[in-house]
């Protein structure tokens, strides 16, 4: 592998994971904030809202974990 490809991977892989984590944090914050606002408006539906929020949060976190897995795969290619 050319040296410039290794340098590009060494720079871009951690940035990609950082962006994925940033996006995940923003998405989780908005999801939880909206769920709490919805519970404040309709306390009777809190069980349904919390269930949907937890499922959504798990999917958001899964995307971040996928980015981390790709980072480790790319890290293996750099060596």
PDB file of N, CA and C in Angstrom:
ATOM      1  N   UNK A   1       0.851  -1.166   0.000  1.00  0.00           N
ATOM      2  CA  UNK A   1       0.000   0.000   0.000  1.00  0.00           C
ATOM      3  C   UNK A   1       0.899   1.232   0.000  1.00  0.00           C
ATOM      4  N   UNK A   2       0.517   2.210  -0.783  1.00  0.00           N
ATOM      5  CA  UNK A   2       1.305   3.431  -0.877  1.00  0.00           C
ATOM      6  C   UNK A   2       1.295   4.206   0.423  1.00  0.00           C
ATOM      7  N   UNK A   3       2.341   4.974   0.620  1.00  0.00           N
ATOM      8  CA  UNK A   3       2.435   5.709   1.883  1.00  0.00           C
ATOM      9  C   UNK A   3       1.363   6.784   1.995  1.00  0.00           C
ATOM     10  N   UNK A   4       0.963   7.368   0.873  1.00  0.00           N
ATOM     11  CA  UNK A   4      -0.051   8.417   0.936  1.00  0.00           C
ATOM     12  C   UNK A   4      -1.418   7.842   1.292  1.00  0.00           C
ATOM     13  N   UNK A   5      -1.671   6.586   0.933  1.00  0.00           N
ATOM     14  CA  UNK A   5      -2.946   5.956   1.320  1.00  0.00           C
ATOM     15  C   UNK A   5      -2.969   5.718   2.826  1.00  0.00           C
ATOM     16  N   UNK A   6      -1.837   5.272   3.369  1.00  0.00           N
ATOM     17  CA  UNK A   6      -1.757   5.069   4.811  1.00  0.00           C
ATOM     18  C   UNK A   6      -1.956   6.358   5.583  1.00  0.00           C
ATOM     19  N   UNK A   7      -1.379   7.432   5.067  1.00  0.00           N
ATOM     20  CA  UNK A   7      -1.544   8.736   5.722  1.00  0.00           C
ATOM     21  C   UNK A   7      -3.001   9.184   5.651  1.00  0.00           C
ATOM     22  N   UNK A   8      -3.612   8.995   4.504  1.00  0.00           N
ATOM     23  CA  UNK A   8      -5.020   9.388   4.350  1.00  0.00           C
ATOM     24  C   UNK A   8      -5.916   8.586   5.298  1.00  0.00           C
ATOM     25  N   UNK A   9      -5.642   7.292   5.424  1.00  0.00           N
ATOM     26  CA  UNK A   9      -6.429   6.472   6.349  1.00  0.00           C
ATOM     27  C   UNK A   9      -6.175   6.877   7.798  1.00  0.00           C
ATOM     28  N   UNK A  10      -4.928   7.185   8.108  1.00  0.00           N
ATOM     29  CA  UNK A  10      -4.584   7.569   9.483  1.00  0.00           C
ATOM     30  C   UNK A  10      -5.258   8.873   9.884  1.00  0.00           C
ATOM     31  N   UNK A  11      -5.512   9.736   8.936  1.00  0.00           N
ATOM     32  CA  UNK A  11      -6.174  11.011   9.235  1.00  0.00           C
ATOM     33  C   UNK A  11      -7.693  10.871   9.192  1.00  0.00           C
ATOM     34  N   UNK A  12      -8.199  10.180   8.200  1.00  0.00           N
ATOM     35  CA  UNK A  12      -9.642  10.157   7.988  1.00  0.00           C
ATOM     36  C   UNK A  12     -10.388   9.184   8.897  1.00  0.00           C
ATOM     37  N   UNK A  13      -9.771   8.076   9.278  1.00  0.00           N
ATOM     38  CA  UNK A  13     -10.482   7.088  10.092  1.00  0.00           C
ATOM     39  C   UNK A  13     -10.871   7.641  11.466  1.00  0.00           C
ATOM     40  N   UNK A  14      -9.961   8.254  12.226  1.00  0.00           N
ATOM     41  CA  UNK A  14     -10.392   8.813  13.520  1.00  0.00           C
ATOM     42  C   UNK A  14     -11.389   9.964  13.368  1.00  0.00           C
ATOM     43  N   UNK A  15     -11.249  10.742  12.305  1.00  0.00           N
ATOM     44  CA  UNK A  15     -12.215  11.827  12.087  1.00  0.00           C
ATOM     45  C   UNK A  15     -13.608  11.272  11.823  1.00  0.00           C
ATOM     46  N   UNK A  16     -13.680  10.177  11.084  1.00  0.00           N
ATOM     47  CA  UNK A  16     -14.981   9.572  10.790  1.00  0.00           C
ATOM     48  C   UNK A  16     -15.642   9.054  12.056  1.00  0.00           C
ATOM     49  N   UNK A  17     -14.863   8.430  12.928  1.00  0.00           N
ATOM     50  CA  UNK A  17     -15.428   7.939  14.184  1.00  0.00           C
ATOM     51  C   UNK A  17     -15.870   9.114  15.056  1.00  0.00           C
ATOM     52  N   UNK A  18     -15.083  10.172  15.074  1.00  0.00           N
ATOM     53  CA  UNK A  18     -15.459  11.356  15.843  1.00  0.00           C
ATOM     54  C   UNK A  18     -16.742  11.987  15.329  1.00  0.00           C
ATOM     55  N   UNK A  19     -16.879  12.076  14.019  1.00  0.00           N
ATOM     56  CA  UNK A  19     -18.111  12.626  13.450  1.00  0.00           C
ATOM     57  C   UNK A  19     -19.309  11.731  13.746  1.00  0.00           C
ATOM     58  N   UNK A  20     -19.103  10.417  13.695  1.00  0.00           N
ATOM     59  CA  UNK A  20     -20.191   9.494  14.024  1.00  0.00           C
ATOM     60  C   UNK A  20     -20.613   9.658  15.476  1.00  0.00           C
ATOM     61  N   UNK A  21     -19.644   9.799  16.374  1.00  0.00           N
ATOM     62  CA  UNK A  21     -19.968   9.988  17.790  1.00  0.00           C
ATOM     63  C   UNK A  21     -20.668  11.327  18.021  1.00  0.00           C
ATOM     64  N   UNK A  22     -20.215  12.357  17.324  1.00  0.00           N
ATOM     65  CA  UNK A  22     -20.847  13.666  17.447  1.00  0.00           C
ATOM     66  C   UNK A  22     -22.299  13.618  16.962  1.00  0.00           C
ATOM     67  N   UNK A  23     -22.498  13.002  15.809  1.00  0.00           N
ATOM     68  CA  UNK A  23     -23.856  12.879  15.283  1.00  0.00           C
ATOM     69  C   UNK A  23     -24.751  12.045  16.182  1.00  0.00           C
ATOM     70  N   UNK A  24     -24.182  11.004  16.752  1.00  0.00           N
ATOM     71  CA  UNK A  24     -24.943  10.160  17.669  1.00  0.00           C
ATOM     72  C   UNK A  24     -25.331  10.938  18.923  1.00  0.00           C
ATOM     73  N   UNK A  25     -24.412  11.706  19.447  1.00  0.00           N
ATOM     74  CA  UNK A  25     -24.713  12.499  20.632  1.00  0.00           C
ATOM     75  C   UNK A  25     -25.791  13.537  20.386  1.00  0.00           C
ATOM     76  N   UNK A  26     -25.707  14.189  19.248  1.00  0.00           N
ATOM     77  CA  UNK A  26     -26.730  15.184  18.898  1.00  0.00           C
ATOM     78  C   UNK A  26     -28.082  14.506  18.700  1.00  0.00           C
ATOM     79  N   UNK A  27     -28.072  13.379  17.990  1.00  0.00           N
ATOM     80  CA  UNK A  27     -29.324  12.660  17.747  1.00  0.00           C
ATOM     81  C   UNK A  27     -29.959  12.140  19.026  1.00  0.00           C
ATOM     82  N   UNK A  28     -29.141  11.595  19.915  1.00  0.00           N
ATOM     83  CA  UNK A  28     -29.675  11.097  21.184  1.00  0.00           C
ATOM     84  C   UNK A  28     -30.219  12.235  22.033  1.00  0.00           C
ATOM     85  N   UNK A  29     -29.508  13.340  22.046  1.00  0.00           N
ATOM     86  CA  UNK A  29     -29.981  14.486  22.814  1.00  0.00           C
ATOM     87  C   UNK A  29     -31.319  14.995  22.321  1.00  0.00           C
ATOM     88  N   UNK A  30     -31.448  15.075  21.023  1.00  0.00           N
ATOM     89  CA  UNK A  30     -32.727  15.546  20.464  1.00  0.00           C
ATOM     90  C   UNK A  30     -33.842  14.542  20.715  1.00  0.00           C
ATOM     91  N   UNK A  31     -33.535  13.250  20.578  1.00  0.00           N
ATOM     92  CA  UNK A  31     -34.558  12.218  20.781  1.00  0.00           C
ATOM     93  C   UNK A  31     -35.053  12.208  22.225  1.00  0.00           C
ATOM     94  N   UNK A  32     -34.124  12.254  23.164  1.00  0.00           N
ATOM     95  CA  UNK A  32     -34.518  12.231  24.574  1.00  0.00           C
ATOM     96  C   UNK A  32     -35.254  13.521  24.941  1.00  0.00           C
ATOM     97  N   UNK A  33     -34.765  14.640  24.438  1.00  0.00           N
ATOM     98  CA  UNK A  33     -35.445  15.902  24.709  1.00  0.00           C
ATOM     99  C   UNK A  33     -36.867  15.915  24.180  1.00  0.00           C
ATOM    100  N   UNK A  34     -37.048  15.420  22.970  1.00  0.00           N
ATOM    101  CA  UNK A  34     -38.394  15.374  22.397  1.00  0.00           C
ATOM    102  C   UNK A  34     -39.286  14.392  23.143  1.00  0.00           C
ATOM    103  N   UNK A  35     -38.716  13.275  23.581  1.00  0.00           N
ATOM    104  CA  UNK A  35     -39.513  12.307  24.338  1.00  0.00           C
ATOM    105  C   UNK A  35     -39.949  12.895  25.674  1.00  0.00           C
ATOM    106  N   UNK A  36     -39.057  13.610  26.348  1.00  0.00           N
ATOM    107  CA  UNK A  36     -39.426  14.218  27.633  1.00  0.00           C
ATOM    108  C   UNK A  36     -40.482  15.300  27.444  1.00  0.00           C
ATOM    109  N   UNK A  37     -40.379  16.022  26.350  1.00  0.00           N
ATOM    110  CA  UNK A  37     -41.383  17.042  26.051  1.00  0.00           C
ATOM    111  C   UNK A  37     -42.739  16.403  25.770  1.00  0.00           C
ATOM    112  N   UNK A  38     -42.712  15.282  25.045  1.00  0.00           N
ATOM    113  CA  UNK A  38     -43.964  14.581  24.747  1.00  0.00           C
ATOM    114  C   UNK A  38     -44.582  14.001  26.008  1.00  0.00           C
ATOM    115  N   UNK A  39     -43.744  13.488  26.912  1.00  0.00           N
ATOM    116  CA  UNK A  39     -44.271  12.963  28.174  1.00  0.00           C
ATOM    117  C   UNK A  39     -44.863  14.092  29.009  1.00  0.00           C
ATOM    118  N   UNK A  40     -44.241  15.261  28.954  1.00  0.00           N
ATOM    119  CA  UNK A  40     -44.790  16.407  29.672  1.00  0.00           C
ATOM    120  C   UNK A  40     -46.150  16.817  29.142  1.00  0.00           C
ATOM    121  N   UNK A  41     -46.343  16.656  27.842  1.00  0.00           N
ATOM    122  CA  UNK A  41     -47.633  17.029  27.248  1.00  0.00           C
ATOM    123  C   UNK A  41     -48.700  15.966  27.496  1.00  0.00           C
ATOM    124  N   UNK A  42     -48.291  14.687  27.409  1.00  0.00           N
ATOM    125  CA  UNK A  42     -49.240  13.584  27.571  1.00  0.00           C
ATOM    126  C   UNK A  42     -48.669  12.545  28.538  1.00  0.00           C
ATOM    127  N   UNK A  43     -48.816  12.766  29.808  1.00  0.00           N
ATOM    128  CA  UNK A  43     -48.243  11.841  30.789  1.00  0.00           C
ATOM    129  C   UNK A  43     -48.830  10.427  30.713  1.00  0.00           C
ATOM    130  N   UNK A  44     -50.063  10.313  30.218  1.00  0.00           N
ATOM    131  CA  UNK A  44     -50.691   8.990  30.132  1.00  0.00           C
ATOM    132  C   UNK A  44     -50.002   8.086  29.113  1.00  0.00           C
ATOM    133  N   UNK A  45     -49.356   8.668  28.125  1.00  0.00           N
ATOM    134  CA  UNK A  45     -48.707   7.884  27.072  1.00  0.00           C
ATOM    135  C   UNK A  45     -47.220   7.683  27.331  1.00  0.00           C
ATOM    136  N   UNK A  46     -46.784   7.858  28.569  1.00  0.00           N
ATOM    137  CA  UNK A  46     -45.345   7.819  28.849  1.00  0.00           C
ATOM    138  C   UNK A  46     -44.733   6.454  28.571  1.00  0.00           C
ATOM    139  N   UNK A  47     -45.451   5.382  28.839  1.00  0.00           N
ATOM    140  CA  UNK A  47     -44.905   4.045  28.586  1.00  0.00           C
ATOM    141  C   UNK A  47     -44.613   3.807  27.113  1.00  0.00           C
ATOM    142  N   UNK A  48     -45.539   4.202  26.269  1.00  0.00           N
ATOM    143  CA  UNK A  48     -45.354   4.040  24.830  1.00  0.00           C
ATOM    144  C   UNK A  48     -44.229   4.936  24.308  1.00  0.00           C
ATOM    145  N   UNK A  49     -44.184   6.145  24.810  1.00  0.00           N
ATOM    146  CA  UNK A  49     -43.156   7.097  24.360  1.00  0.00           C
ATOM    147  C   UNK A  49     -41.776   6.617  24.773  1.00  0.00           C
ATOM    148  N   UNK A  50     -41.639   6.172  26.020  1.00  0.00           N
ATOM    149  CA  UNK A  50     -40.337   5.706  26.492  1.00  0.00           C
ATOM    150  C   UNK A  50     -39.874   4.462  25.737  1.00  0.00           C
ATOM    151  N   UNK A  51     -40.801   3.552  25.434  1.00  0.00           N
ATOM    152  CA  UNK A  51     -40.430   2.350  24.678  1.00  0.00           C
ATOM    153  C   UNK A  51     -39.894   2.726  23.303  1.00  0.00           C
ATOM    154  N   UNK A  52     -40.601   3.603  22.619  1.00  0.00           N
ATOM    155  CA  UNK A  52     -40.138   4.028  21.294  1.00  0.00           C
ATOM    156  C   UNK A  52     -38.827   4.794  21.371  1.00  0.00           C
ATOM    157  N   UNK A  53     -38.645   5.593  22.422  1.00  0.00           N
ATOM    158  CA  UNK A  53     -37.401   6.341  22.574  1.00  0.00           C
ATOM    159  C   UNK A  53     -36.231   5.392  22.802  1.00  0.00           C
ATOM    160  N   UNK A  54     -36.422   4.367  23.619  1.00  0.00           N
ATOM    161  CA  UNK A  54     -35.337   3.431  23.902  1.00  0.00           C
ATOM    162  C   UNK A  54     -34.966   2.647  22.649  1.00  0.00           C
ATOM    163  N   UNK A  55     -35.944   2.243  21.866  1.00  0.00           N
ATOM    164  CA  UNK A  55     -35.651   1.546  20.609  1.00  0.00           C
ATOM    165  C   UNK A  55     -34.893   2.468  19.661  1.00  0.00           C
ATOM    166  N   UNK A  56     -35.322   3.709  19.557  1.00  0.00           N
ATOM    167  CA  UNK A  56     -34.622   4.667  18.697  1.00  0.00           C
ATOM    168  C   UNK A  56     -33.204   4.941  19.170  1.00  0.00           C
ATOM    169  N   UNK A  57     -33.019   5.053  20.490  1.00  0.00           N
ATOM    170  CA  UNK A  57     -31.684   5.290  21.035  1.00  0.00           C
ATOM    171  C   UNK A  57     -30.774   4.107  20.756  1.00  0.00           C
ATOM    172  N   UNK A  58     -31.304   2.897  20.829  1.00  0.00           N
ATOM    173  CA  UNK A  58     -30.497   1.711  20.529  1.00  0.00           C
ATOM    174  C   UNK A  58     -30.060   1.703  19.065  1.00  0.00           C
ATOM    175  N   UNK A  59     -30.940   2.103  18.171  1.00  0.00           N
ATOM    176  CA  UNK A  59     -30.575   2.161  16.757  1.00  0.00           C
ATOM    177  C   UNK A  59     -29.527   3.237  16.491  1.00  0.00           C
ATOM    178  N   UNK A  60     -29.641   4.366  17.160  1.00  0.00           N
ATOM    179  CA  UNK A  60     -28.649   5.438  17.005  1.00  0.00           C
ATOM    180  C   UNK A  60     -27.287   4.962  17.505  1.00  0.00           C
ATOM    181  N   UNK A  61     -27.265   4.307  18.650  1.00  0.00           N
ATOM    182  CA  UNK A  61     -26.002   3.803  19.197  1.00  0.00           C
ATOM    183  C   UNK A  61     -25.416   2.715  18.308  1.00  0.00           C
ATOM    184  N   UNK A  62     -26.273   1.915  17.678  1.00  0.00           N
ATOM    185  CA  UNK A  62     -25.779   0.864  16.789  1.00  0.00           C
ATOM    186  C   UNK A  62     -25.006   1.464  15.615  1.00  0.00           C
ATOM    187  N   UNK A  63     -25.463   2.579  15.100  1.00  0.00           N
ATOM    188  CA  UNK A  63     -24.749   3.219  13.997  1.00  0.00           C
ATOM    189  C   UNK A  63     -23.369   3.687  14.433  1.00  0.00           C
ATOM    190  N   UNK A  64     -23.260   4.173  15.649  1.00  0.00           N
ATOM    191  CA  UNK A  64     -21.958   4.593  16.163  1.00  0.00           C
ATOM    192  C   UNK A  64     -21.037   3.393  16.346  1.00  0.00           C
ATOM    193  N   UNK A  65     -21.579   2.296  16.819  1.00  0.00           N
ATOM    194  CA  UNK A  65     -20.774   1.085  16.987  1.00  0.00           C
ATOM    195  C   UNK A  65     -20.312   0.571  15.636  1.00  0.00           C
ATOM    196  N   UNK A  66     -21.162   0.654  14.614  1.00  0.00           N
ATOM    197  CA  UNK A  66     -20.744   0.242  13.270  1.00  0.00           C
ATOM    198  C   UNK A  66     -19.576   1.089  12.780  1.00  0.00           C
ATOM    199  N   UNK A  67     -19.619   2.376  13.046  1.00  0.00           N
ATOM    200  CA  UNK A  67     -18.506   3.249  12.648  1.00  0.00           C
ATOM    201  C   UNK A  67     -17.230   2.856  13.375  1.00  0.00           C
ATOM    202  N   UNK A  68     -17.340   2.487  14.644  1.00  0.00           N
ATOM    203  CA  UNK A  68     -16.165   2.058  15.402  1.00  0.00           C
ATOM    204  C   UNK A  68     -15.602   0.747  14.848  1.00  0.00           C
ATOM    205  N   UNK A  69     -16.476  -0.168  14.456  1.00  0.00           N
ATOM    206  CA  UNK A  69     -16.028  -1.436  13.865  1.00  0.00           C
ATOM    207  C   UNK A  69     -15.301  -1.177  12.555  1.00  0.00           C
ATOM    208  N   UNK A  70     -15.845  -0.304  11.733  1.00  0.00           N
ATOM    209  CA  UNK A  70     -15.178   0.038  10.473  1.00  0.00           C
ATOM    210  C   UNK A  70     -13.817   0.671  10.750  1.00  0.00           C
ATOM    211  N   UNK A  71     -13.731   1.494  11.798  1.00  0.00           N
ATOM    212  CA  UNK A  71     -12.447   2.088  12.171  1.00  0.00           C
ATOM    213  C   UNK A  71     -11.422   1.008  12.487  1.00  0.00           C
ATOM    214  N   UNK A  72     -11.822  -0.007  13.260  1.00  0.00           N
ATOM    215  CA  UNK A  72     -10.870  -1.057  13.597  1.00  0.00           C
ATOM    216  C   UNK A  72     -10.479  -1.882  12.375  1.00  0.00           C
ATOM    217  N   UNK A  73     -11.398  -2.063  11.442  1.00  0.00           N
ATOM    218  CA  UNK A  73     -11.055  -2.764  10.204  1.00  0.00           C
ATOM    219  C   UNK A  73     -10.063  -1.963   9.394  1.00  0.00           C
ATOM    220  N   UNK A  74     -10.286  -0.668   9.285  1.00  0.00           N
ATOM    221  CA  UNK A  74      -9.361   0.201   8.553  1.00  0.00           C
ATOM    222  C   UNK A  74      -8.019   0.278   9.289  1.00  0.00           C
ATOM    223  N   UNK A  75      -8.058   0.301  10.615  1.00  0.00           N
ATOM    224  CA  UNK A  75      -6.820   0.325  11.402  1.00  0.00           C
ATOM    225  C   UNK A  75      -5.976  -0.923  11.126  1.00  0.00           C
ATOM    226  N   UNK A  76      -6.648  -2.048  10.963  1.00  0.00           N
ATOM    227  CA  UNK A  76      -5.938  -3.287  10.630  1.00  0.00           C
ATOM    228  C   UNK A  76      -5.301  -3.196   9.248  1.00  0.00           C
ATOM    229  N   UNK A  77      -5.940  -2.511   8.321  1.00  0.00           N
ATOM    230  CA  UNK A  77      -5.392  -2.354   6.970  1.00  0.00           C
ATOM    231  C   UNK A  77      -4.198  -1.405   6.934  1.00  0.00           C
ATOM    232  N   UNK A  78      -4.144  -0.484   7.906  1.00  0.00           N
ATOM    233  CA  UNK A  78      -3.042   0.489   7.918  1.00  0.00           C
ATOM    234  C   UNK A  78      -1.733  -0.154   8.365  1.00  0.00           C
ATOM    235  N   UNK A  79      -1.802  -1.201   9.129  1.00  0.00           N
ATOM    236  CA  UNK A  79      -0.586  -1.811   9.678  1.00  0.00           C
ATOM    237  C   UNK A  79       0.081  -2.696   8.676  1.00  0.00           C
TER     238      UNK A  79
END
